[in-house]
Amino acid sequence: MEANHLGNRIAVLLLDTSAYARLIPVSAVPLDDKKGTLSIPQVESWYPGAVSLELIAEVFDVSIHRTPVLPDSLPATVIAAAELLKKGYDD
């Protein structure tokens, strides 16, 4: 989760058990439909269509607090290296 994309708050919605039968495992989705998406195999699933409010059993309001990464620290070096690698793949 990148701070510049998600901020420090997200909502986690849990489906009611009555909706479980309609869930589609990621493994059943054609590869063409998954292009440009990030999925977590064996954990994540998709729901066909819009999810009505009646199917939401619980909502968690989550705040994420991160410790700032110091410029000359190991995490900063790893992040910089990953960005350079990504840039090389994007070219």
N, C-alpha and C. Protein backbone atom coordinates (compact mmCIF):
# COMPACT_ATOMS: atom_id res chain seq x y z
N MET A 1 0.83 -1.17 0.00
CA MET A 1 0.00 0.00 0.00
C MET A 1 0.88 1.24 0.00
N GLU A 2 0.78 2.01 -1.02
CA GLU A 2 1.60 3.20 -1.13
C GLU A 2 0.84 4.41 -0.61
N ALA A 3 1.50 5.17 0.23
CA ALA A 3 0.84 6.31 0.86
C ALA A 3 0.31 7.30 -0.16
N ASN A 4 1.02 7.51 -1.26
CA ASN A 4 0.57 8.50 -2.23
C ASN A 4 -0.67 8.05 -2.99
N HIS A 5 -1.01 6.77 -2.95
CA HIS A 5 -2.21 6.30 -3.63
C HIS A 5 -3.39 6.12 -2.68
N LEU A 6 -3.13 5.66 -1.48
CA LEU A 6 -4.22 5.32 -0.58
C LEU A 6 -4.39 6.27 0.59
N GLY A 7 -3.47 7.17 0.81
CA GLY A 7 -3.55 8.00 2.00
C GLY A 7 -3.27 7.14 3.22
N ASN A 8 -3.83 7.54 4.36
CA ASN A 8 -3.57 6.74 5.56
C ASN A 8 -4.83 6.07 6.07
N ARG A 9 -5.93 6.11 5.30
CA ARG A 9 -7.17 5.47 5.73
C ARG A 9 -7.74 4.64 4.59
N ILE A 10 -8.23 3.47 4.95
CA ILE A 10 -8.94 2.62 4.00
C ILE A 10 -10.14 2.01 4.71
N ALA A 11 -11.09 1.56 3.95
CA ALA A 11 -12.23 0.84 4.50
C ALA A 11 -12.14 -0.60 4.03
N VAL A 12 -12.30 -1.53 4.95
CA VAL A 12 -12.32 -2.95 4.63
C VAL A 12 -13.76 -3.42 4.83
N LEU A 13 -14.35 -3.94 3.76
CA LEU A 13 -15.74 -4.40 3.82
C LEU A 13 -15.77 -5.92 3.81
N LEU A 14 -16.49 -6.50 4.77
CA LEU A 14 -16.64 -7.95 4.81
C LEU A 14 -18.02 -8.33 4.33
N LEU A 15 -18.06 -9.26 3.38
CA LEU A 15 -19.34 -9.71 2.84
C LEU A 15 -20.08 -10.60 3.83
N ASP A 16 -21.39 -10.53 3.76
CA ASP A 16 -22.23 -11.44 4.52
C ASP A 16 -22.05 -12.85 3.94
N THR A 17 -22.18 -13.85 4.78
CA THR A 17 -21.98 -15.24 4.32
C THR A 17 -22.96 -15.62 3.21
N SER A 18 -24.11 -14.96 3.12
CA SER A 18 -25.07 -15.28 2.06
C SER A 18 -24.53 -14.94 0.67
N ALA A 19 -23.50 -14.12 0.59
CA ALA A 19 -22.91 -13.73 -0.70
C ALA A 19 -21.77 -14.65 -1.12
N TYR A 20 -21.31 -15.51 -0.24
CA TYR A 20 -20.14 -16.34 -0.52
C TYR A 20 -20.32 -17.24 -1.74
N ALA A 21 -21.51 -17.74 -1.96
CA ALA A 21 -21.74 -18.68 -3.07
C ALA A 21 -21.52 -18.02 -4.43
N ARG A 22 -21.64 -16.70 -4.52
CA ARG A 22 -21.45 -16.00 -5.79
C ARG A 22 -20.01 -15.58 -6.04
N LEU A 23 -19.13 -15.73 -5.05
CA LEU A 23 -17.74 -15.31 -5.21
C LEU A 23 -17.04 -16.14 -6.29
N ILE A 24 -16.17 -15.49 -7.02
CA ILE A 24 -15.42 -16.14 -8.10
C ILE A 24 -13.95 -16.15 -7.68
N PRO A 25 -13.33 -17.34 -7.57
CA PRO A 25 -11.91 -17.36 -7.22
C PRO A 25 -11.07 -16.74 -8.34
N VAL A 26 -9.99 -16.10 -7.97
CA VAL A 26 -9.11 -15.46 -8.96
C VAL A 26 -8.65 -16.47 -10.00
N SER A 27 -8.46 -17.71 -9.60
CA SER A 27 -7.99 -18.75 -10.53
C SER A 27 -9.01 -19.02 -11.64
N ALA A 28 -10.28 -18.67 -11.44
CA ALA A 28 -11.31 -18.91 -12.45
C ALA A 28 -11.49 -17.75 -13.42
N VAL A 29 -10.80 -16.65 -13.18
CA VAL A 29 -10.93 -15.47 -14.04
C VAL A 29 -9.94 -15.59 -15.20
N PRO A 30 -10.38 -15.44 -16.45
CA PRO A 30 -9.45 -15.52 -17.58
C PRO A 30 -8.32 -14.52 -17.45
N LEU A 31 -7.13 -14.90 -17.88
CA LEU A 31 -5.95 -14.03 -17.77
C LEU A 31 -6.17 -12.68 -18.43
N ASP A 32 -6.88 -12.62 -19.55
CA ASP A 32 -7.12 -11.36 -20.23
C ASP A 32 -7.88 -10.37 -19.34
N ASP A 33 -8.75 -10.87 -18.47
CA ASP A 33 -9.53 -10.01 -17.59
C ASP A 33 -8.70 -9.52 -16.40
N LYS A 34 -7.55 -10.16 -16.14
CA LYS A 34 -6.72 -9.80 -14.99
C LYS A 34 -5.58 -8.86 -15.36
N LYS A 35 -5.42 -8.53 -16.64
CA LYS A 35 -4.31 -7.66 -17.04
C LYS A 35 -4.40 -6.32 -16.32
N GLY A 36 -3.27 -5.89 -15.78
CA GLY A 36 -3.21 -4.61 -15.09
C GLY A 36 -3.77 -4.63 -13.68
N THR A 37 -4.06 -5.83 -13.15
CA THR A 37 -4.57 -5.92 -11.79
C THR A 37 -3.59 -6.69 -10.93
N LEU A 38 -3.66 -6.45 -9.66
CA LEU A 38 -2.86 -7.18 -8.69
C LEU A 38 -3.80 -8.05 -7.91
N SER A 39 -3.52 -9.35 -7.84
CA SER A 39 -4.38 -10.24 -7.08
C SER A 39 -3.54 -11.10 -6.15
N ILE A 40 -4.18 -11.57 -5.11
CA ILE A 40 -3.51 -12.42 -4.12
C ILE A 40 -4.10 -13.82 -4.26
N PRO A 41 -3.42 -14.74 -4.95
CA PRO A 41 -3.95 -16.09 -5.14
C PRO A 41 -4.25 -16.78 -3.82
N GLN A 42 -5.25 -17.62 -3.80
CA GLN A 42 -5.68 -18.41 -2.65
C GLN A 42 -6.32 -17.55 -1.55
N VAL A 43 -6.36 -16.23 -1.71
CA VAL A 43 -6.95 -15.36 -0.69
C VAL A 43 -8.03 -14.49 -1.31
N GLU A 44 -7.71 -13.87 -2.42
CA GLU A 44 -8.60 -12.90 -3.03
C GLU A 44 -9.62 -13.59 -3.93
N SER A 45 -10.81 -12.99 -4.02
CA SER A 45 -11.82 -13.46 -4.95
C SER A 45 -12.57 -12.25 -5.51
N TRP A 46 -13.33 -12.49 -6.55
CA TRP A 46 -14.09 -11.42 -7.20
C TRP A 46 -15.57 -11.67 -6.98
N TYR A 47 -16.34 -10.61 -7.04
CA TYR A 47 -17.80 -10.71 -6.94
C TYR A 47 -18.38 -10.22 -8.26
N PRO A 48 -19.30 -10.98 -8.85
CA PRO A 48 -19.84 -10.57 -10.16
C PRO A 48 -20.83 -9.42 -10.02
N GLY A 49 -20.47 -8.28 -10.52
CA GLY A 49 -21.37 -7.13 -10.48
C GLY A 49 -21.21 -6.28 -9.23
N ALA A 50 -22.17 -5.38 -9.05
CA ALA A 50 -22.14 -4.47 -7.90
C ALA A 50 -22.55 -5.22 -6.64
N VAL A 51 -21.94 -4.84 -5.53
CA VAL A 51 -22.28 -5.44 -4.24
C VAL A 51 -23.26 -4.50 -3.54
N SER A 52 -24.46 -5.00 -3.27
CA SER A 52 -25.46 -4.16 -2.60
C SER A 52 -25.11 -4.01 -1.12
N LEU A 53 -25.57 -2.93 -0.52
CA LEU A 53 -25.28 -2.66 0.89
C LEU A 53 -25.79 -3.78 1.80
N GLU A 54 -26.86 -4.45 1.41
CA GLU A 54 -27.41 -5.54 2.22
C GLU A 54 -26.43 -6.70 2.37
N LEU A 55 -25.47 -6.80 1.43
CA LEU A 55 -24.51 -7.90 1.47
C LEU A 55 -23.25 -7.57 2.27
N ILE A 56 -23.16 -6.36 2.82
CA ILE A 56 -22.00 -5.97 3.62
C ILE A 56 -22.32 -6.30 5.09
N ALA A 57 -21.54 -7.21 5.66
CA ALA A 57 -21.78 -7.63 7.05
C ALA A 57 -21.07 -6.73 8.05
N GLU A 58 -19.84 -6.33 7.72
CA GLU A 58 -19.05 -5.49 8.63
C GLU A 58 -18.18 -4.54 7.83
N VAL A 59 -17.89 -3.40 8.46
CA VAL A 59 -17.01 -2.41 7.86
C VAL A 59 -15.95 -2.06 8.89
N PHE A 60 -14.69 -2.08 8.46
CA PHE A 60 -13.58 -1.67 9.31
C PHE A 60 -12.97 -0.41 8.71
N ASP A 61 -12.87 0.62 9.51
CA ASP A 61 -12.22 1.87 9.11
C ASP A 61 -10.79 1.78 9.64
N VAL A 62 -9.84 1.64 8.73
CA VAL A 62 -8.45 1.37 9.11
C VAL A 62 -7.59 2.60 8.83
N SER A 63 -6.83 3.01 9.83
CA SER A 63 -5.85 4.09 9.66
C SER A 63 -4.46 3.47 9.68
N ILE A 64 -3.64 3.88 8.72
CA ILE A 64 -2.29 3.33 8.61
C ILE A 64 -1.30 4.43 8.97
N HIS A 65 -0.47 4.17 9.95
CA HIS A 65 0.54 5.13 10.37
C HIS A 65 1.91 4.56 10.05
N ARG A 66 2.67 5.29 9.26
CA ARG A 66 3.98 4.82 8.81
C ARG A 66 5.07 5.66 9.45
N THR A 67 6.18 5.00 9.75
CA THR A 67 7.36 5.70 10.22
C THR A 67 8.07 6.26 8.99
N PRO A 68 8.42 7.53 8.98
CA PRO A 68 9.10 8.09 7.81
C PRO A 68 10.41 7.34 7.52
N VAL A 69 10.71 7.19 6.25
CA VAL A 69 11.95 6.53 5.83
C VAL A 69 13.05 7.59 5.75
N LEU A 70 14.10 7.40 6.52
CA LEU A 70 15.21 8.35 6.52
C LEU A 70 15.98 8.25 5.20
N PRO A 71 16.45 9.36 4.65
CA PRO A 71 17.07 9.39 3.32
C PRO A 71 18.25 8.42 3.14
N ASP A 72 19.11 8.25 4.12
CA ASP A 72 20.30 7.39 3.95
C ASP A 72 20.15 6.03 4.61
N SER A 73 18.93 5.61 4.90
CA SER A 73 18.72 4.33 5.57
C SER A 73 18.65 3.18 4.56
N LEU A 74 18.75 1.96 5.06
CA LEU A 74 18.65 0.78 4.20
C LEU A 74 17.31 0.73 3.48
N PRO A 75 16.17 0.97 4.17
CA PRO A 75 14.90 0.95 3.42
C PRO A 75 14.87 1.97 2.28
N ALA A 76 15.45 3.15 2.48
CA ALA A 76 15.48 4.15 1.41
C ALA A 76 16.30 3.64 0.23
N THR A 77 17.41 2.96 0.50
CA THR A 77 18.25 2.41 -0.55
C THR A 77 17.50 1.33 -1.33
N VAL A 78 16.78 0.46 -0.61
CA VAL A 78 16.02 -0.61 -1.26
C VAL A 78 14.90 -0.02 -2.12
N ILE A 79 14.21 0.98 -1.60
CA ILE A 79 13.14 1.63 -2.37
C ILE A 79 13.70 2.28 -3.64
N ALA A 80 14.82 2.96 -3.51
CA ALA A 80 15.44 3.61 -4.67
C ALA A 80 15.85 2.57 -5.71
N ALA A 81 16.42 1.45 -5.25
CA ALA A 81 16.83 0.39 -6.18
C ALA A 81 15.62 -0.20 -6.89
N ALA A 82 14.53 -0.41 -6.17
CA ALA A 82 13.32 -0.96 -6.77
C ALA A 82 12.75 0.00 -7.82
N GLU A 83 12.81 1.29 -7.53
CA GLU A 83 12.31 2.28 -8.50
C GLU A 83 13.18 2.30 -9.76
N LEU A 84 14.49 2.15 -9.59
CA LEU A 84 15.37 2.08 -10.75
C LEU A 84 15.10 0.84 -11.59
N LEU A 85 14.90 -0.29 -10.92
CA LEU A 85 14.58 -1.53 -11.65
C LEU A 85 13.26 -1.38 -12.41
N LYS A 86 12.26 -0.83 -11.74
CA LYS A 86 10.97 -0.64 -12.40
C LYS A 86 11.10 0.27 -13.61
N LYS A 87 11.86 1.34 -13.45
CA LYS A 87 12.06 2.28 -14.57
C LYS A 87 12.71 1.56 -15.74
N GLY A 88 13.66 0.69 -15.45
CA GLY A 88 14.31 -0.08 -16.52
C GLY A 88 13.35 -1.00 -17.23
N TYR A 89 12.38 -1.58 -16.52
CA TYR A 89 11.39 -2.46 -17.13
C TYR A 89 10.35 -1.69 -17.91
N ASP A 90 10.06 -0.47 -17.49
CA ASP A 90 9.04 0.34 -18.16
C ASP A 90 9.52 0.94 -19.48
N ASP A 91 10.84 1.07 -19.64
CA ASP A 91 11.39 1.69 -20.85
C ASP A 91 11.26 0.81 -22.07
